[in-house]
Amino acid sequence: IPPPGKGSLYVRPLLVGTGPILGLAPAPEYTFLVYASPVRNYFKEGTAPLNLYIDEEFVRASPGGAGGVKTITNYAPVLKALARAKDRGFSDVLYLDAVNRKYLEEVSSCNIFIVKGNRISTPAISGTILQGITRKSILEIARDHGYQVEERAIPVDDLGDADEVFCTGTAVGVAPVGGITHRNRRIEFKTESSLVCKELYSTLVGLQTGRIEDKKGWTVEIH
C-alpha cells in the first residue's frame, strides 16, 4: 500500500456476465469478484489543481439511459473525448447535459462541485450522473461545516461567477480545479491553501483514518 498521501488501496467490485450466450440478451450466469490494487493519485497532477475542458461535441449520458448506473456503458462514450482533451494538455473533460447542452453534468469519472461564498452546489441526481459515495459524503460533511448545500441544475455560465470548483470520486478523492476552458475561453478559480474542498477533504480523510471520531458509522472494522 502506498505511503499516506501518495496513493491508496483501491477496492473494486466487478459483476460480469459469463454464461454461454451469443445473442442480445441478459447472460444466464454471472461472475462476481472483488479485487484490490495499490494505486497512485488518479490524475498525473497529483494534488495540483486540475485543468478541465468542456467538449460540446460529446455527451456522457442521455435521459432514459444508464447514466446513473456504474456500468461500462458510462465509460465507453467518453474515451474519444478524453483522449482528445489529454492530447491538448487538459486533465479531463467536463460534460454538459444531452438535452440543452448548457447544464453541468459531471467529469469522465467524477462528480463536479462549484463554490460561491458560503454556498456549495453540485448537479442534482436526475438519472444521467452517478450518485457517487464520495459526493454523498462531501455533501454531508459540508452541511456539518455550516455551508449552504444545493443540488440543482447548474448552468455552464455559473462557472464565470464561481470562487472555486472541485471534483469528487472514489479514485479521485477530492481534487481542486484550477481552470476550465469553454469555447476557447479559460475560466480560472482559487487554488490557494484556504480552499473549501481542502477543508472538506481533510475531514473526510480524518474520518477514514481514525484521526477524527467517526460518529456517522462510515468506517467498518475488518477482521
C-alpha atoms as a PDB file:
ATOM      1  CA  ILE A   1       0.000   0.000   0.000  1.00  0.00           C
ATOM      2  CA  PRO A   2       1.453   3.439  -0.888  1.00  0.00           C
ATOM      3  CA  PRO A   3       2.524   5.734   1.982  1.00  0.00           C
ATOM      4  CA  PRO A   4      -0.187   8.077   3.326  1.00  0.00           C
ATOM      5  CA  GLY A   5      -0.858  10.886   0.866  1.00  0.00           C
ATOM      6  CA  LYS A   6       0.911   9.102  -2.004  1.00  0.00           C
ATOM      7  CA  GLY A   7      -1.896   6.791  -3.045  1.00  0.00           C
ATOM      8  CA  SER A   8      -4.291   4.239  -1.622  1.00  0.00           C
ATOM      9  CA  LEU A   9      -5.587   0.683  -1.803  1.00  0.00           C
ATOM     10  CA  TYR A  10      -8.325   0.650  -4.406  1.00  0.00           C
ATOM     11  CA  VAL A  11     -11.020  -1.987  -3.836  1.00  0.00           C
ATOM     12  CA  ARG A  12     -13.281  -2.642  -6.810  1.00  0.00           C
ATOM     13  CA  PRO A  13     -16.276  -4.999  -7.027  1.00  0.00           C
ATOM     14  CA  LEU A  14     -16.990  -6.325 -10.520  1.00  0.00           C
ATOM     15  CA  LEU A  15     -20.003  -8.188 -11.916  1.00  0.00           C
ATOM     16  CA  VAL A  16     -19.530  -9.783 -15.348  1.00  0.00           C
ATOM     17  CA  GLY A  17     -21.931 -11.797 -17.475  1.00  0.00           C
ATOM     18  CA  THR A  18     -20.174 -15.116 -18.137  1.00  0.00           C
ATOM     19  CA  GLY A  19     -22.973 -17.511 -19.089  1.00  0.00           C
ATOM     20  CA  PRO A  20     -22.977 -19.235 -22.518  1.00  0.00           C
ATOM     21  CA  ILE A  21     -24.978 -16.937 -24.809  1.00  0.00           C
ATOM     22  CA  LEU A  22     -24.274 -15.326 -28.166  1.00  0.00           C
ATOM     23  CA  GLY A  23     -27.427 -13.310 -28.799  1.00  0.00           C
ATOM     24  CA  LEU A  24     -28.527  -9.957 -27.402  1.00  0.00           C
ATOM     25  CA  ALA A  25     -29.972 -10.962 -24.031  1.00  0.00           C
ATOM     26  CA  PRO A  26     -29.077 -10.974 -20.336  1.00  0.00           C
ATOM     27  CA  ALA A  27     -26.443 -13.581 -19.506  1.00  0.00           C
ATOM     28  CA  PRO A  28     -27.830 -16.717 -17.810  1.00  0.00           C
ATOM     29  CA  GLU A  29     -24.885 -16.732 -15.382  1.00  0.00           C
ATOM     30  CA  TYR A  30     -22.722 -14.073 -13.782  1.00  0.00           C
ATOM     31  CA  THR A  31     -19.386 -13.945 -12.023  1.00  0.00           C
ATOM     32  CA  PHE A  32     -18.934 -11.562  -9.093  1.00  0.00           C
ATOM     33  CA  LEU A  33     -15.436 -10.738  -7.953  1.00  0.00           C
ATOM     34  CA  VAL A  34     -13.646  -8.147  -5.859  1.00  0.00           C
ATOM     35  CA  TYR A  35     -10.061  -7.133  -6.465  1.00  0.00           C
ATOM     36  CA  ALA A  36      -7.736  -4.779  -4.632  1.00  0.00           C
ATOM     37  CA  SER A  37      -4.813  -2.878  -6.081  1.00  0.00           C
ATOM     38  CA  PRO A  38      -2.371  -0.266  -4.740  1.00  0.00           C
ATOM     39  CA  VAL A  39      -2.833   2.914  -6.791  1.00  0.00           C
ATOM     40  CA  ARG A  40      -1.209   6.310  -7.078  1.00  0.00           C
ATOM     41  CA  ASN A  41      -3.159   9.544  -7.269  1.00  0.00           C
ATOM     42  CA  TYR A  42      -5.733   9.261 -10.064  1.00  0.00           C
ATOM     43  CA  PHE A  43      -4.622  12.328 -12.003  1.00  0.00           C
ATOM     44  CA  LYS A  44      -1.000  12.817 -13.036  1.00  0.00           C
ATOM     45  CA  GLU A  45      -1.197  16.268 -11.434  1.00  0.00           C
ATOM     46  CA  GLY A  46      -1.399  14.544  -8.036  1.00  0.00           C
ATOM     47  CA  THR A  47      -2.818  17.135  -5.641  1.00  0.00           C
ATOM     48  CA  ALA A  48      -2.190  20.020  -8.072  1.00  0.00           C
ATOM     49  CA  PRO A  49      -5.294  21.783  -9.476  1.00  0.00           C
ATOM     50  CA  LEU A  50      -6.938  20.136 -12.483  1.00  0.00           C
ATOM     51  CA  ASN A  51      -7.284  21.713 -15.906  1.00  0.00           C
ATOM     52  CA  LEU A  52     -10.667  20.757 -17.415  1.00  0.00           C
ATOM     53  CA  TYR A  53     -12.146  21.147 -20.888  1.00  0.00           C
ATOM     54  CA  ILE A  54     -15.833  21.374 -21.824  1.00  0.00           C
ATOM     55  CA  ASP A  55     -16.365  19.360 -25.016  1.00  0.00           C
ATOM     56  CA  GLU A  56     -19.711  20.272 -26.599  1.00  0.00           C
ATOM     57  CA  GLU A  57     -19.453  17.620 -29.315  1.00  0.00           C
ATOM     58  CA  PHE A  58     -19.812  14.653 -26.968  1.00  0.00           C
ATOM     59  CA  VAL A  59     -22.216  13.895 -24.115  1.00  0.00           C
ATOM     60  CA  ARG A  60     -21.627  11.328 -21.404  1.00  0.00           C
ATOM     61  CA  ALA A  61     -25.222  10.141 -20.925  1.00  0.00           C
ATOM     62  CA  SER A  62     -28.777  10.912 -22.025  1.00  0.00           C
ATOM     63  CA  PRO A  63     -32.108  10.892 -20.139  1.00  0.00           C
ATOM     64  CA  GLY A  64     -33.641   7.435 -20.085  1.00  0.00           C
ATOM     65  CA  GLY A  65     -30.266   5.724 -20.383  1.00  0.00           C
ATOM     66  CA  ALA A  66     -27.884   4.158 -17.881  1.00  0.00           C
ATOM     67  CA  GLY A  67     -26.010   7.314 -16.891  1.00  0.00           C
ATOM     68  CA  GLY A  68     -26.900   6.884 -13.228  1.00  0.00           C
ATOM     69  CA  VAL A  69     -25.572   3.310 -13.025  1.00  0.00           C
ATOM     70  CA  LYS A  70     -21.916   2.373 -12.597  1.00  0.00           C
ATOM     71  CA  THR A  71     -21.567   0.281 -15.746  1.00  0.00           C
ATOM     72  CA  ILE A  72     -19.076   0.072 -18.604  1.00  0.00           C
ATOM     73  CA  THR A  73     -21.574   1.872 -20.852  1.00  0.00           C
ATOM     74  CA  ASN A  74     -20.861   5.043 -18.848  1.00  0.00           C
ATOM     75  CA  TYR A  75     -17.180   4.996 -19.719  1.00  0.00           C
ATOM     76  CA  ALA A  76     -17.057   3.872 -23.362  1.00  0.00           C
ATOM     77  CA  PRO A  77     -18.691   7.097 -24.699  1.00  0.00           C
ATOM     78  CA  VAL A  78     -16.100   9.344 -23.010  1.00  0.00           C
ATOM     79  CA  LEU A  79     -12.928   7.677 -24.280  1.00  0.00           C
ATOM     80  CA  LYS A  80     -12.611   9.608 -27.555  1.00  0.00           C
ATOM     81  CA  ALA A  81     -13.350  12.983 -25.955  1.00  0.00           C
ATOM     82  CA  LEU A  82     -10.992  12.217 -23.068  1.00  0.00           C
ATOM     83  CA  ALA A  83      -8.135  11.191 -25.372  1.00  0.00           C
ATOM     84  CA  ARG A  84      -8.577  14.349 -27.434  1.00  0.00           C
ATOM     85  CA  ALA A  85      -8.595  16.544 -24.333  1.00  0.00           C
ATOM     86  CA  LYS A  86      -5.448  14.923 -22.950  1.00  0.00           C
ATOM     87  CA  ASP A  87      -3.691  15.413 -26.300  1.00  0.00           C
ATOM     88  CA  ARG A  88      -4.432  19.130 -25.895  1.00  0.00           C
ATOM     89  CA  GLY A  89      -2.940  19.206 -22.408  1.00  0.00           C
ATOM     90  CA  PHE A  90      -6.114  19.021 -20.317  1.00  0.00           C
ATOM     91  CA  SER A  91      -6.637  16.788 -17.286  1.00  0.00           C
ATOM     92  CA  ASP A  92     -10.159  15.651 -18.172  1.00  0.00           C
ATOM     93  CA  VAL A  93     -13.461  16.607 -19.794  1.00  0.00           C
ATOM     94  CA  LEU A  94     -16.436  18.261 -18.101  1.00  0.00           C
ATOM     95  CA  TYR A  95     -19.637  17.196 -19.855  1.00  0.00           C
ATOM     96  CA  LEU A  96     -22.854  19.152 -20.358  1.00  0.00           C
ATOM     97  CA  ASP A  97     -26.397  17.755 -20.393  1.00  0.00           C
ATOM     98  CA  ALA A  98     -27.568  15.998 -23.557  1.00  0.00           C
ATOM     99  CA  VAL A  99     -30.826  17.938 -23.973  1.00  0.00           C
ATOM    100  CA  ASN A 100     -29.969  21.622 -23.628  1.00  0.00           C
ATOM    101  CA  ARG A 101     -26.158  21.425 -23.795  1.00  0.00           C
ATOM    102  CA  LYS A 102     -25.918  24.155 -21.169  1.00  0.00           C
ATOM    103  CA  TYR A 103     -26.071  22.475 -17.738  1.00  0.00           C
ATOM    104  CA  LEU A 104     -23.110  20.868 -15.984  1.00  0.00           C
ATOM    105  CA  GLU A 105     -23.295  17.081 -15.606  1.00  0.00           C
ATOM    106  CA  GLU A 106     -20.016  15.519 -14.463  1.00  0.00           C
ATOM    107  CA  VAL A 107     -16.418  14.811 -15.401  1.00  0.00           C
ATOM    108  CA  SER A 108     -15.465  11.499 -17.091  1.00  0.00           C
ATOM    109  CA  SER A 109     -15.098   9.616 -13.806  1.00  0.00           C
ATOM    110  CA  CYS A 110     -16.069  12.020 -11.021  1.00  0.00           C
ATOM    111  CA  ASN A 111     -18.715  14.457  -9.802  1.00  0.00           C
ATOM    112  CA  ILE A 112     -18.350  18.243 -10.024  1.00  0.00           C
ATOM    113  CA  PHE A 113     -18.958  20.937  -7.374  1.00  0.00           C
ATOM    114  CA  ILE A 114     -18.874  24.742  -7.541  1.00  0.00           C
ATOM    115  CA  VAL A 115     -18.412  27.109  -4.602  1.00  0.00           C
ATOM    116  CA  LYS A 116     -19.630  30.692  -4.320  1.00  0.00           C
ATOM    117  CA  GLY A 117     -19.205  32.287  -0.914  1.00  0.00           C
ATOM    118  CA  ASN A 118     -20.846  30.004   1.652  1.00  0.00           C
ATOM    119  CA  ARG A 119     -22.859  28.120  -0.988  1.00  0.00           C
ATOM    120  CA  ILE A 120     -21.743  24.776  -2.423  1.00  0.00           C
ATOM    121  CA  SER A 121     -23.629  23.480  -5.472  1.00  0.00           C
ATOM    122  CA  THR A 122     -23.495  20.203  -7.376  1.00  0.00           C
ATOM    123  CA  PRO A 123     -25.682  18.884 -10.219  1.00  0.00           C
ATOM    124  CA  ALA A 124     -28.851  17.212  -8.971  1.00  0.00           C
ATOM    125  CA  ILE A 125     -29.299  13.465  -9.398  1.00  0.00           C
ATOM    126  CA  SER A 126     -31.566  13.077 -12.425  1.00  0.00           C
ATOM    127  CA  GLY A 127     -30.653   9.681 -13.853  1.00  0.00           C
ATOM    128  CA  THR A 128     -27.779  10.904 -16.029  1.00  0.00           C
ATOM    129  CA  ILE A 129     -24.975  11.217 -13.457  1.00  0.00           C
ATOM    130  CA  LEU A 130     -23.566   8.834 -10.891  1.00  0.00           C
ATOM    131  CA  GLN A 131     -24.644   9.229  -7.285  1.00  0.00           C
ATOM    132  CA  GLY A 132     -21.076   8.887  -6.050  1.00  0.00           C
ATOM    133  CA  ILE A 133     -20.419   7.837  -2.456  1.00  0.00           C
ATOM    134  CA  THR A 134     -17.691  10.484  -2.144  1.00  0.00           C
ATOM    135  CA  ARG A 135     -20.177  13.048  -3.488  1.00  0.00           C
ATOM    136  CA  LYS A 136     -22.687  11.975  -0.840  1.00  0.00           C
ATOM    137  CA  SER A 137     -20.051  12.095   1.921  1.00  0.00           C
ATOM    138  CA  ILE A 138     -18.818  15.567   0.942  1.00  0.00           C
ATOM    139  CA  LEU A 139     -22.382  16.910   0.839  1.00  0.00           C
ATOM    140  CA  GLU A 140     -22.988  15.674   4.386  1.00  0.00           C
ATOM    141  CA  ILE A 141     -19.659  16.999   5.673  1.00  0.00           C
ATOM    142  CA  ALA A 142     -20.320  20.368   4.014  1.00  0.00           C
ATOM    143  CA  ARG A 143     -23.638  20.657   5.837  1.00  0.00           C
ATOM    144  CA  ASP A 144     -21.914  19.745   9.109  1.00  0.00           C
ATOM    145  CA  HIS A 145     -19.414  22.563   8.473  1.00  0.00           C
ATOM    146  CA  GLY A 146     -22.223  25.090   8.076  1.00  0.00           C
ATOM    147  CA  TYR A 147     -22.198  25.512   4.310  1.00  0.00           C
ATOM    148  CA  GLN A 148     -25.375  26.062   2.323  1.00  0.00           C
ATOM    149  CA  VAL A 149     -25.608  22.995   0.089  1.00  0.00           C
ATOM    150  CA  GLU A 150     -27.596  22.873  -3.148  1.00  0.00           C
ATOM    151  CA  GLU A 151     -28.277  20.015  -5.534  1.00  0.00           C
ATOM    152  CA  ARG A 152     -29.591  21.742  -8.647  1.00  0.00           C
ATOM    153  CA  ALA A 153     -29.284  22.268 -12.384  1.00  0.00           C
ATOM    154  CA  ILE A 154     -26.121  24.365 -12.793  1.00  0.00           C
ATOM    155  CA  PRO A 155     -25.870  26.459 -15.996  1.00  0.00           C
ATOM    156  CA  VAL A 156     -22.397  26.486 -17.510  1.00  0.00           C
ATOM    157  CA  ASP A 157     -22.472  30.292 -17.208  1.00  0.00           C
ATOM    158  CA  ASP A 158     -22.364  29.913 -13.395  1.00  0.00           C
ATOM    159  CA  LEU A 159     -18.706  28.914 -13.724  1.00  0.00           C
ATOM    160  CA  GLY A 160     -17.837  32.510 -14.510  1.00  0.00           C
ATOM    161  CA  ASP A 161     -19.091  33.592 -11.082  1.00  0.00           C
ATOM    162  CA  ALA A 162     -17.690  30.677  -9.039  1.00  0.00           C
ATOM    163  CA  ASP A 163     -14.961  31.177  -6.439  1.00  0.00           C
ATOM    164  CA  GLU A 164     -13.876  27.550  -6.503  1.00  0.00           C
ATOM    165  CA  VAL A 165     -14.566  24.315  -8.383  1.00  0.00           C
ATOM    166  CA  PHE A 166     -13.653  20.777  -7.341  1.00  0.00           C
ATOM    167  CA  CYS A 167     -14.276  17.132  -8.265  1.00  0.00           C
ATOM    168  CA  THR A 168     -15.053  14.100  -6.102  1.00  0.00           C
ATOM    169  CA  GLY A 169     -14.826  10.359  -6.693  1.00  0.00           C
ATOM    170  CA  THR A 170     -13.669   7.086  -5.155  1.00  0.00           C
ATOM    171  CA  ALA A 171     -10.430   7.035  -7.143  1.00  0.00           C
ATOM    172  CA  VAL A 172     -10.100  10.822  -7.429  1.00  0.00           C
ATOM    173  CA  GLY A 173     -10.814  11.651  -3.789  1.00  0.00           C
ATOM    174  CA  VAL A 174     -11.388  15.420  -3.724  1.00  0.00           C
ATOM    175  CA  ALA A 175      -9.473  17.343  -6.384  1.00  0.00           C
ATOM    176  CA  PRO A 176      -9.425  21.148  -6.843  1.00  0.00           C
ATOM    177  CA  VAL A 177      -9.933  22.573 -10.338  1.00  0.00           C
ATOM    178  CA  GLY A 178      -7.619  25.400 -11.366  1.00  0.00           C
ATOM    179  CA  GLY A 179      -9.285  26.241 -14.649  1.00  0.00           C
ATOM    180  CA  ILE A 180     -11.966  25.221 -17.156  1.00  0.00           C
ATOM    181  CA  THR A 181     -11.811  26.008 -20.871  1.00  0.00           C
ATOM    182  CA  HIS A 182     -15.116  26.532 -22.689  1.00  0.00           C
ATOM    183  CA  ARG A 183     -15.355  27.785 -26.277  1.00  0.00           C
ATOM    184  CA  ASN A 184     -11.713  28.901 -26.245  1.00  0.00           C
ATOM    185  CA  ARG A 185     -12.259  30.901 -23.036  1.00  0.00           C
ATOM    186  CA  ARG A 186     -10.397  29.796 -19.921  1.00  0.00           C
ATOM    187  CA  ILE A 187     -12.044  30.457 -16.552  1.00  0.00           C
ATOM    188  CA  GLU A 188      -9.723  30.285 -13.554  1.00  0.00           C
ATOM    189  CA  PHE A 189     -10.563  29.584  -9.917  1.00  0.00           C
ATOM    190  CA  LYS A 190      -8.970  29.968  -6.500  1.00  0.00           C
ATOM    191  CA  THR A 191      -6.228  27.452  -5.810  1.00  0.00           C
ATOM    192  CA  GLU A 192      -4.594  28.749  -2.633  1.00  0.00           C
ATOM    193  CA  SER A 193      -4.352  26.731   0.573  1.00  0.00           C
ATOM    194  CA  SER A 194      -7.603  28.050   2.095  1.00  0.00           C
ATOM    195  CA  LEU A 195      -9.809  26.112  -0.306  1.00  0.00           C
ATOM    196  CA  VAL A 196     -13.201  24.847   0.827  1.00  0.00           C
ATOM    197  CA  CYS A 197     -12.531  21.494  -0.851  1.00  0.00           C
ATOM    198  CA  LYS A 198      -9.320  21.004   1.149  1.00  0.00           C
ATOM    199  CA  GLU A 199     -11.216  21.720   4.367  1.00  0.00           C
ATOM    200  CA  LEU A 200     -13.877  19.146   3.484  1.00  0.00           C
ATOM    201  CA  TYR A 201     -11.356  16.586   2.237  1.00  0.00           C
ATOM    202  CA  SER A 202      -9.311  16.923   5.417  1.00  0.00           C
ATOM    203  CA  THR A 203     -12.392  15.992   7.427  1.00  0.00           C
ATOM    204  CA  LEU A 204     -13.196  13.060   5.135  1.00  0.00           C
ATOM    205  CA  VAL A 205      -9.661  11.661   5.382  1.00  0.00           C
ATOM    206  CA  GLY A 206      -9.693  12.241   9.134  1.00  0.00           C
ATOM    207  CA  LEU A 207     -12.808  10.087   9.427  1.00  0.00           C
ATOM    208  CA  GLN A 208     -11.344   7.419   7.146  1.00  0.00           C
ATOM    209  CA  THR A 209      -8.050   7.182   9.035  1.00  0.00           C
ATOM    210  CA  GLY A 210      -9.457   7.425  12.560  1.00  0.00           C
ATOM    211  CA  ARG A 211      -7.904  10.825  13.248  1.00  0.00           C
ATOM    212  CA  ILE A 212     -11.443  12.190  13.701  1.00  0.00           C
ATOM    213  CA  GLU A 213     -14.005  10.249  15.723  1.00  0.00           C
ATOM    214  CA  ASP A 214     -16.490   8.595  13.382  1.00  0.00           C
ATOM    215  CA  LYS A 215     -19.938   9.423  14.740  1.00  0.00           C
ATOM    216  CA  LYS A 216     -21.590   8.639  11.409  1.00  0.00           C
ATOM    217  CA  GLY A 217     -20.816   4.921  11.276  1.00  0.00           C
ATOM    218  CA  TRP A 218     -18.991   5.244   7.960  1.00  0.00           C
ATOM    219  CA  THR A 219     -15.938   3.179   8.877  1.00  0.00           C
ATOM    220  CA  VAL A 220     -16.091  -0.601   9.170  1.00  0.00           C
ATOM    221  CA  GLU A 221     -13.592  -2.718  11.074  1.00  0.00           C
ATOM    222  CA  ILE A 222     -12.441  -5.729   9.061  1.00  0.00           C
ATOM    223  CA  HIS A 223     -11.203  -8.839  10.874  1.00  0.00           C
END
